[in-house]
Amino acid sequence: MIPNHILNDLRPDERVAILSRGSEVHFHVHPATDTPDAVRAFAAREGSEVLTSHMRDRAAIEAFVADRERDVGGEA
């Protein structure tokens, strides 16, 4: 589940990256101007991999997270 404050406080010049560390999903709010390489470098420093980045649309973010949680939980 993505924390509401991330979605509610997202500024127009910010985007969300969804990261994975093992089975744990976590989030990184980054400038919209960040390159994909910059987001991957941040994730690598955190010991994570980038599942997706540069997301802005709330419904798309929530759907992505819900799909990921179903995959990890083994539900169909």
PDB file of N, CA and C in Angstrom:
ATOM      1  N   MET A   1       0.855  -1.179   0.000  1.00  0.00           N
ATOM      2  CA  MET A   1       0.000   0.000   0.000  1.00  0.00           C
ATOM      3  C   MET A   1       0.899   1.240   0.000  1.00  0.00           C
ATOM      4  N   ILE A   2       0.596   2.157  -0.866  1.00  0.00           N
ATOM      5  CA  ILE A   2       1.366   3.409  -0.924  1.00  0.00           C
ATOM      6  C   ILE A   2       0.800   4.379   0.111  1.00  0.00           C
ATOM      7  N   PRO A   3       1.681   5.020   0.876  1.00  0.00           N
ATOM      8  CA  PRO A   3       1.195   5.995   1.859  1.00  0.00           C
ATOM      9  C   PRO A   3       0.465   7.154   1.181  1.00  0.00           C
ATOM     10  N   ASN A   4      -0.666   7.528   1.741  1.00  0.00           N
ATOM     11  CA  ASN A   4      -1.457   8.617   1.166  1.00  0.00           C
ATOM     12  C   ASN A   4      -0.687   9.921   1.058  1.00  0.00           C
ATOM     13  N   HIS A   5       0.186  10.191   2.021  1.00  0.00           N
ATOM     14  CA  HIS A   5       0.902  11.468   1.983  1.00  0.00           C
ATOM     15  C   HIS A   5       1.776  11.581   0.737  1.00  0.00           C
ATOM     16  N   ILE A   6       2.259  10.469   0.225  1.00  0.00           N
ATOM     17  CA  ILE A   6       3.068  10.533  -1.002  1.00  0.00           C
ATOM     18  C   ILE A   6       2.201  11.003  -2.166  1.00  0.00           C
ATOM     19  N   LEU A   7       1.037  10.443  -2.284  1.00  0.00           N
ATOM     20  CA  LEU A   7       0.142  10.829  -3.381  1.00  0.00           C
ATOM     21  C   LEU A   7      -0.454  12.212  -3.170  1.00  0.00           C
ATOM     22  N   ASN A   8      -0.834  12.517  -1.934  1.00  0.00           N
ATOM     23  CA  ASN A   8      -1.485  13.794  -1.645  1.00  0.00           C
ATOM     24  C   ASN A   8      -0.536  14.982  -1.719  1.00  0.00           C
ATOM     25  N   ASP A   9       0.736  14.766  -1.389  1.00  0.00           N
ATOM     26  CA  ASP A   9       1.702  15.863  -1.322  1.00  0.00           C
ATOM     27  C   ASP A   9       2.583  15.977  -2.561  1.00  0.00           C
ATOM     28  N   LEU A  10       2.334  15.156  -3.574  1.00  0.00           N
ATOM     29  CA  LEU A  10       3.153  15.171  -4.778  1.00  0.00           C
ATOM     30  C   LEU A  10       2.972  16.491  -5.522  1.00  0.00           C
ATOM     31  N   ARG A  11       4.070  17.202  -5.695  1.00  0.00           N
ATOM     32  CA  ARG A  11       4.035  18.493  -6.390  1.00  0.00           C
ATOM     33  C   ARG A  11       4.079  18.271  -7.904  1.00  0.00           C
ATOM     34  N   PRO A  12       3.678  19.269  -8.683  1.00  0.00           N
ATOM     35  CA  PRO A  12       3.671  19.124 -10.145  1.00  0.00           C
ATOM     36  C   PRO A  12       5.040  18.784 -10.741  1.00  0.00           C
ATOM     37  N   ASP A  13       6.117  19.186 -10.067  1.00  0.00           N
ATOM     38  CA  ASP A  13       7.462  18.919 -10.589  1.00  0.00           C
ATOM     39  C   ASP A  13       8.088  17.658  -9.997  1.00  0.00           C
ATOM     40  N   GLU A  14       7.276  16.815  -9.353  1.00  0.00           N
ATOM     41  CA  GLU A  14       7.769  15.589  -8.743  1.00  0.00           C
ATOM     42  C   GLU A  14       7.098  14.368  -9.364  1.00  0.00           C
ATOM     43  N   ARG A  15       7.801  13.255  -9.292  1.00  0.00           N
ATOM     44  CA  ARG A  15       7.293  11.978  -9.773  1.00  0.00           C
ATOM     45  C   ARG A  15       7.595  10.910  -8.725  1.00  0.00           C
ATOM     46  N   VAL A  16       6.961   9.758  -8.869  1.00  0.00           N
ATOM     47  CA  VAL A  16       7.151   8.657  -7.937  1.00  0.00           C
ATOM     48  C   VAL A  16       7.862   7.509  -8.647  1.00  0.00           C
ATOM     49  N   ALA A  17       8.891   6.993  -7.994  1.00  0.00           N
ATOM     50  CA  ALA A  17       9.526   5.754  -8.430  1.00  0.00           C
ATOM     51  C   ALA A  17       9.086   4.673  -7.452  1.00  0.00           C
ATOM     52  N   ILE A  18       8.764   3.512  -7.981  1.00  0.00           N
ATOM     53  CA  ILE A  18       8.402   2.381  -7.141  1.00  0.00           C
ATOM     54  C   ILE A  18       9.586   1.426  -7.175  1.00  0.00           C
ATOM     55  N   LEU A  19      10.104   1.149  -5.990  1.00  0.00           N
ATOM     56  CA  LEU A  19      11.321   0.364  -5.841  1.00  0.00           C
ATOM     57  C   LEU A  19      11.024  -0.941  -5.122  1.00  0.00           C
ATOM     58  N   SER A  20      11.914  -1.903  -5.303  1.00  0.00           N
ATOM     59  CA  SER A  20      11.762  -3.194  -4.652  1.00  0.00           C
ATOM     60  C   SER A  20      13.082  -3.588  -4.013  1.00  0.00           C
ATOM     61  N   ARG A  21      12.980  -4.053  -2.783  1.00  0.00           N
ATOM     62  CA  ARG A  21      14.123  -4.642  -2.071  1.00  0.00           C
ATOM     63  C   ARG A  21      13.631  -5.990  -1.569  1.00  0.00           C
ATOM     64  N   GLY A  22      13.987  -7.047  -2.289  1.00  0.00           N
ATOM     65  CA  GLY A  22      13.407  -8.356  -1.991  1.00  0.00           C
ATOM     66  C   GLY A  22      11.921  -8.309  -2.297  1.00  0.00           C
ATOM     67  N   SER A  23      11.115  -8.721  -1.336  1.00  0.00           N
ATOM     68  CA  SER A  23       9.665  -8.675  -1.544  1.00  0.00           C
ATOM     69  C   SER A  23       9.051  -7.362  -1.054  1.00  0.00           C
ATOM     70  N   GLU A  24       9.879  -6.479  -0.516  1.00  0.00           N
ATOM     71  CA  GLU A  24       9.395  -5.200   0.022  1.00  0.00           C
ATOM     72  C   GLU A  24       9.317  -4.149  -1.084  1.00  0.00           C
ATOM     73  N   VAL A  25       8.176  -3.503  -1.186  1.00  0.00           N
ATOM     74  CA  VAL A  25       7.989  -2.403  -2.125  1.00  0.00           C
ATOM     75  C   VAL A  25       8.092  -1.104  -1.349  1.00  0.00           C
ATOM     76  N   HIS A  26       8.855  -0.158  -1.873  1.00  0.00           N
ATOM     77  CA  HIS A  26       8.918   1.162  -1.263  1.00  0.00           C
ATOM     78  C   HIS A  26       8.986   2.222  -2.351  1.00  0.00           C
ATOM     79  N   PHE A  27       8.933   3.462  -1.932  1.00  0.00           N
ATOM     80  CA  PHE A  27       8.686   4.559  -2.860  1.00  0.00           C
ATOM     81  C   PHE A  27       9.740   5.639  -2.712  1.00  0.00           C
ATOM     82  N   HIS A  28      10.039   6.269  -3.828  1.00  0.00           N
ATOM     83  CA  HIS A  28      10.992   7.383  -3.853  1.00  0.00           C
ATOM     84  C   HIS A  28      10.368   8.505  -4.676  1.00  0.00           C
ATOM     85  N   VAL A  29      10.159   9.645  -4.038  1.00  0.00           N
ATOM     86  CA  VAL A  29       9.672  10.834  -4.745  1.00  0.00           C
ATOM     87  C   VAL A  29      10.904  11.541  -5.300  1.00  0.00           C
ATOM     88  N   HIS A  30      10.900  11.768  -6.598  1.00  0.00           N
ATOM     89  CA  HIS A  30      12.065  12.367  -7.245  1.00  0.00           C
ATOM     90  C   HIS A  30      11.628  13.482  -8.189  1.00  0.00           C
ATOM     91  N   PRO A  31      12.559  14.391  -8.513  1.00  0.00           N
ATOM     92  CA  PRO A  31      12.220  15.453  -9.468  1.00  0.00           C
ATOM     93  C   PRO A  31      11.848  14.864 -10.829  1.00  0.00           C
ATOM     94  N   ALA A  32      10.895  15.469 -11.473  1.00  0.00           N
ATOM     95  CA  ALA A  32      10.472  15.015 -12.800  1.00  0.00           C
ATOM     96  C   ALA A  32      11.635  15.073 -13.788  1.00  0.00           C
ATOM     97  N   THR A  33      12.597  15.933 -13.533  1.00  0.00           N
ATOM     98  CA  THR A  33      13.741  16.098 -14.433  1.00  0.00           C
ATOM     99  C   THR A  33      14.813  15.032 -14.250  1.00  0.00           C
ATOM    100  N   ASP A  34      14.712  14.204 -13.208  1.00  0.00           N
ATOM    101  CA  ASP A  34      15.694  13.128 -13.026  1.00  0.00           C
ATOM    102  C   ASP A  34      15.671  12.193 -14.225  1.00  0.00           C
ATOM    103  N   THR A  35      16.841  11.760 -14.621  1.00  0.00           N
ATOM    104  CA  THR A  35      16.932  10.780 -15.696  1.00  0.00           C
ATOM    105  C   THR A  35      16.657   9.382 -15.124  1.00  0.00           C
ATOM    106  N   PRO A  36      16.271   8.448 -15.966  1.00  0.00           N
ATOM    107  CA  PRO A  36      16.125   7.069 -15.483  1.00  0.00           C
ATOM    108  C   PRO A  36      17.414   6.544 -14.836  1.00  0.00           C
ATOM    109  N   ASP A  37      18.570   6.925 -15.386  1.00  0.00           N
ATOM    110  CA  ASP A  37      19.838   6.498 -14.787  1.00  0.00           C
ATOM    111  C   ASP A  37      20.018   7.051 -13.377  1.00  0.00           C
ATOM    112  N   ALA A  38      19.581   8.283 -13.152  1.00  0.00           N
ATOM    113  CA  ALA A  38      19.690   8.878 -11.814  1.00  0.00           C
ATOM    114  C   ALA A  38      18.798   8.143 -10.823  1.00  0.00           C
ATOM    115  N   VAL A  39      17.613   7.762 -11.249  1.00  0.00           N
ATOM    116  CA  VAL A  39      16.698   7.017 -10.370  1.00  0.00           C
ATOM    117  C   VAL A  39      17.281   5.639 -10.078  1.00  0.00           C
ATOM    118  N   ARG A  40      17.839   4.973 -11.100  1.00  0.00           N
ATOM    119  CA  ARG A  40      18.469   3.662 -10.886  1.00  0.00           C
ATOM    120  C   ARG A  40      19.662   3.763  -9.952  1.00  0.00           C
ATOM    121  N   ALA A  41      20.448   4.839 -10.072  1.00  0.00           N
ATOM    122  CA  ALA A  41      21.606   5.029  -9.193  1.00  0.00           C
ATOM    123  C   ALA A  41      21.151   5.216  -7.747  1.00  0.00           C
ATOM    124  N   PHE A  42      20.085   5.989  -7.525  1.00  0.00           N
ATOM    125  CA  PHE A  42      19.539   6.153  -6.180  1.00  0.00           C
ATOM    126  C   PHE A  42      19.119   4.802  -5.627  1.00  0.00           C
ATOM    127  N   ALA A  43      18.380   4.043  -6.424  1.00  0.00           N
ATOM    128  CA  ALA A  43      17.890   2.736  -5.979  1.00  0.00           C
ATOM    129  C   ALA A  43      19.053   1.810  -5.635  1.00  0.00           C
ATOM    130  N   ALA A  44      20.074   1.805  -6.449  1.00  0.00           N
ATOM    131  CA  ALA A  44      21.229   0.944  -6.203  1.00  0.00           C
ATOM    132  C   ALA A  44      21.909   1.305  -4.877  1.00  0.00           C
ATOM    133  N   ARG A  45      22.016   2.595  -4.587  1.00  0.00           N
ATOM    134  CA  ARG A  45      22.612   3.029  -3.304  1.00  0.00           C
ATOM    135  C   ARG A  45      21.787   2.538  -2.122  1.00  0.00           C
ATOM    136  N   GLU A  46      20.483   2.377  -2.338  1.00  0.00           N
ATOM    137  CA  GLU A  46      19.580   1.912  -1.286  1.00  0.00           C
ATOM    138  C   GLU A  46      19.474   0.381  -1.250  1.00  0.00           C
ATOM    139  N   GLY A  47      20.166  -0.283  -2.164  1.00  0.00           N
ATOM    140  CA  GLY A  47      20.076  -1.735  -2.249  1.00  0.00           C
ATOM    141  C   GLY A  47      18.781  -2.211  -2.866  1.00  0.00           C
ATOM    142  N   SER A  48      18.216  -1.408  -3.746  1.00  0.00           N
ATOM    143  CA  SER A  48      16.916  -1.700  -4.350  1.00  0.00           C
ATOM    144  C   SER A  48      17.024  -1.744  -5.867  1.00  0.00           C
ATOM    145  N   GLU A  49      15.955  -2.215  -6.472  1.00  0.00           N
ATOM    146  CA  GLU A  49      15.837  -2.138  -7.923  1.00  0.00           C
ATOM    147  C   GLU A  49      14.607  -1.299  -8.266  1.00  0.00           C
ATOM    148  N   VAL A  50      14.651  -0.655  -9.409  1.00  0.00           N
ATOM    149  CA  VAL A  50      13.541   0.182  -9.866  1.00  0.00           C
ATOM    150  C   VAL A  50      12.524  -0.694 -10.589  1.00  0.00           C
ATOM    151  N   LEU A  51      11.297  -0.675 -10.099  1.00  0.00           N
ATOM    152  CA  LEU A  51      10.213  -1.363 -10.799  1.00  0.00           C
ATOM    153  C   LEU A  51       9.631  -0.458 -11.868  1.00  0.00           C
ATOM    154  N   THR A  52       9.484   0.810 -11.531  1.00  0.00           N
ATOM    155  CA  THR A  52       9.018   1.825 -12.473  1.00  0.00           C
ATOM    156  C   THR A  52       9.358   3.189 -11.885  1.00  0.00           C
ATOM    157  N   SER A  53       9.445   4.186 -12.739  1.00  0.00           N
ATOM    158  CA  SER A  53       9.741   5.541 -12.249  1.00  0.00           C
ATOM    159  C   SER A  53       8.968   6.558 -13.079  1.00  0.00           C
ATOM    160  N   HIS A  54       9.063   7.790 -12.674  1.00  0.00           N
ATOM    161  CA  HIS A  54       8.451   8.929 -13.357  1.00  0.00           C
ATOM    162  C   HIS A  54       6.932   8.816 -13.436  1.00  0.00           C
ATOM    163  N   MET A  55       6.338   8.218 -12.397  1.00  0.00           N
ATOM    164  CA  MET A  55       4.877   8.094 -12.358  1.00  0.00           C
ATOM    165  C   MET A  55       4.268   9.327 -11.700  1.00  0.00           C
ATOM    166  N   ARG A  56       3.148   9.753 -12.226  1.00  0.00           N
ATOM    167  CA  ARG A  56       2.469  10.935 -11.701  1.00  0.00           C
ATOM    168  C   ARG A  56       0.984  10.663 -11.439  1.00  0.00           C
ATOM    169  N   ASP A  57       0.378   9.840 -12.258  1.00  0.00           N
ATOM    170  CA  ASP A  57      -1.052   9.589 -12.188  1.00  0.00           C
ATOM    171  C   ASP A  57      -1.391   8.710 -10.981  1.00  0.00           C
ATOM    172  N   ARG A  58      -2.213   9.236 -10.093  1.00  0.00           N
ATOM    173  CA  ARG A  58      -2.558   8.540  -8.856  1.00  0.00           C
ATOM    174  C   ARG A  58      -3.155   7.155  -9.116  1.00  0.00           C
ATOM    175  N   ALA A  59      -4.112   7.071 -10.043  1.00  0.00           N
ATOM    176  CA  ALA A  59      -4.760   5.788 -10.329  1.00  0.00           C
ATOM    177  C   ALA A  59      -3.754   4.782 -10.882  1.00  0.00           C
ATOM    178  N   ALA A  60      -2.858   5.225 -11.732  1.00  0.00           N
ATOM    179  CA  ALA A  60      -1.847   4.329 -12.303  1.00  0.00           C
ATOM    180  C   ALA A  60      -0.885   3.836 -11.227  1.00  0.00           C
ATOM    181  N   ILE A  61      -0.500   4.727 -10.320  1.00  0.00           N
ATOM    182  CA  ILE A  61       0.395   4.342  -9.214  1.00  0.00           C
ATOM    183  C   ILE A  61      -0.298   3.312  -8.329  1.00  0.00           C
ATOM    184  N   GLU A  62      -1.538   3.591  -7.946  1.00  0.00           N
ATOM    185  CA  GLU A  62      -2.272   2.666  -7.077  1.00  0.00           C
ATOM    186  C   GLU A  62      -2.473   1.310  -7.750  1.00  0.00           C
ATOM    187  N   ALA A  63      -2.773   1.313  -9.052  1.00  0.00           N
ATOM    188  CA  ALA A  63      -2.966   0.060  -9.782  1.00  0.00           C
ATOM    189  C   ALA A  63      -1.662  -0.730  -9.858  1.00  0.00           C
ATOM    190  N   PHE A  64      -0.554  -0.050 -10.108  1.00  0.00           N
ATOM    191  CA  PHE A  64       0.743  -0.722 -10.185  1.00  0.00           C
ATOM    192  C   PHE A  64       1.078  -1.377  -8.854  1.00  0.00           C
ATOM    193  N   VAL A  65       0.881  -0.635  -7.773  1.00  0.00           N
ATOM    194  CA  VAL A  65       1.180  -1.156  -6.437  1.00  0.00           C
ATOM    195  C   VAL A  65       0.266  -2.336  -6.110  1.00  0.00           C
ATOM    196  N   ALA A  66      -1.005  -2.230  -6.430  1.00  0.00           N
ATOM    197  CA  ALA A  66      -1.943  -3.319  -6.149  1.00  0.00           C
ATOM    198  C   ALA A  66      -1.549  -4.575  -6.921  1.00  0.00           C
ATOM    199  N   ASP A  67      -1.172  -4.426  -8.190  1.00  0.00           N
ATOM    200  CA  ASP A  67      -0.741  -5.579  -8.982  1.00  0.00           C
ATOM    201  C   ASP A  67       0.516  -6.208  -8.392  1.00  0.00           C
ATOM    202  N   ARG A  68       1.446  -5.383  -7.969  1.00  0.00           N
ATOM    203  CA  ARG A  68       2.697  -5.882  -7.389  1.00  0.00           C
ATOM    204  C   ARG A  68       2.420  -6.634  -6.088  1.00  0.00           C
ATOM    205  N   GLU A  69       1.545  -6.084  -5.256  1.00  0.00           N
ATOM    206  CA  GLU A  69       1.234  -6.735  -3.987  1.00  0.00           C
ATOM    207  C   GLU A  69       0.541  -8.072  -4.217  1.00  0.00           C
ATOM    208  N   ARG A  70      -0.311  -8.178  -5.232  1.00  0.00           N
ATOM    209  CA  ARG A  70      -0.946  -9.459  -5.575  1.00  0.00           C
ATOM    210  C   ARG A  70       0.110 -10.467  -6.027  1.00  0.00           C
ATOM    211  N   ASP A  71       1.064 -10.008  -6.838  1.00  0.00           N
ATOM    212  CA  ASP A  71       2.125 -10.904  -7.331  1.00  0.00           C
ATOM    213  C   ASP A  71       2.967 -11.442  -6.177  1.00  0.00           C
ATOM    214  N   VAL A  72       3.346 -10.571  -5.251  1.00  0.00           N
ATOM    215  CA  VAL A  72       4.174 -10.966  -4.112  1.00  0.00           C
ATOM    216  C   VAL A  72       3.394 -11.873  -3.174  1.00  0.00           C
ATOM    217  N   GLY A  73       2.126 -11.566  -2.984  1.00  0.00           N
ATOM    218  CA  GLY A  73       1.302 -12.338  -2.064  1.00  0.00           C
ATOM    219  C   GLY A  73       0.836 -13.662  -2.634  1.00  0.00           C
ATOM    220  N   GLY A  74       1.025 -13.853  -3.932  1.00  0.00           N
ATOM    221  CA  GLY A  74       0.643 -15.101  -4.559  1.00  0.00           C
ATOM    222  C   GLY A  74      -0.833 -15.217  -4.880  1.00  0.00           C
ATOM    223  N   GLU A  75      -1.580 -14.132  -4.751  1.00  0.00           N
ATOM    224  CA  GLU A  75      -2.990 -14.169  -5.072  1.00  0.00           C
ATOM    225  C   GLU A  75      -3.187 -13.989  -6.565  1.00  0.00           C
ATOM    226  N   ALA A  76      -4.219 -14.547  -7.076  1.00  0.00           N
ATOM    227  CA  ALA A  76      -4.489 -14.420  -8.515  1.00  0.00           C
ATOM    228  C   ALA A  76      -5.535 -13.363  -8.778  1.00  0.00           C
TER     229      ALA A  76
END
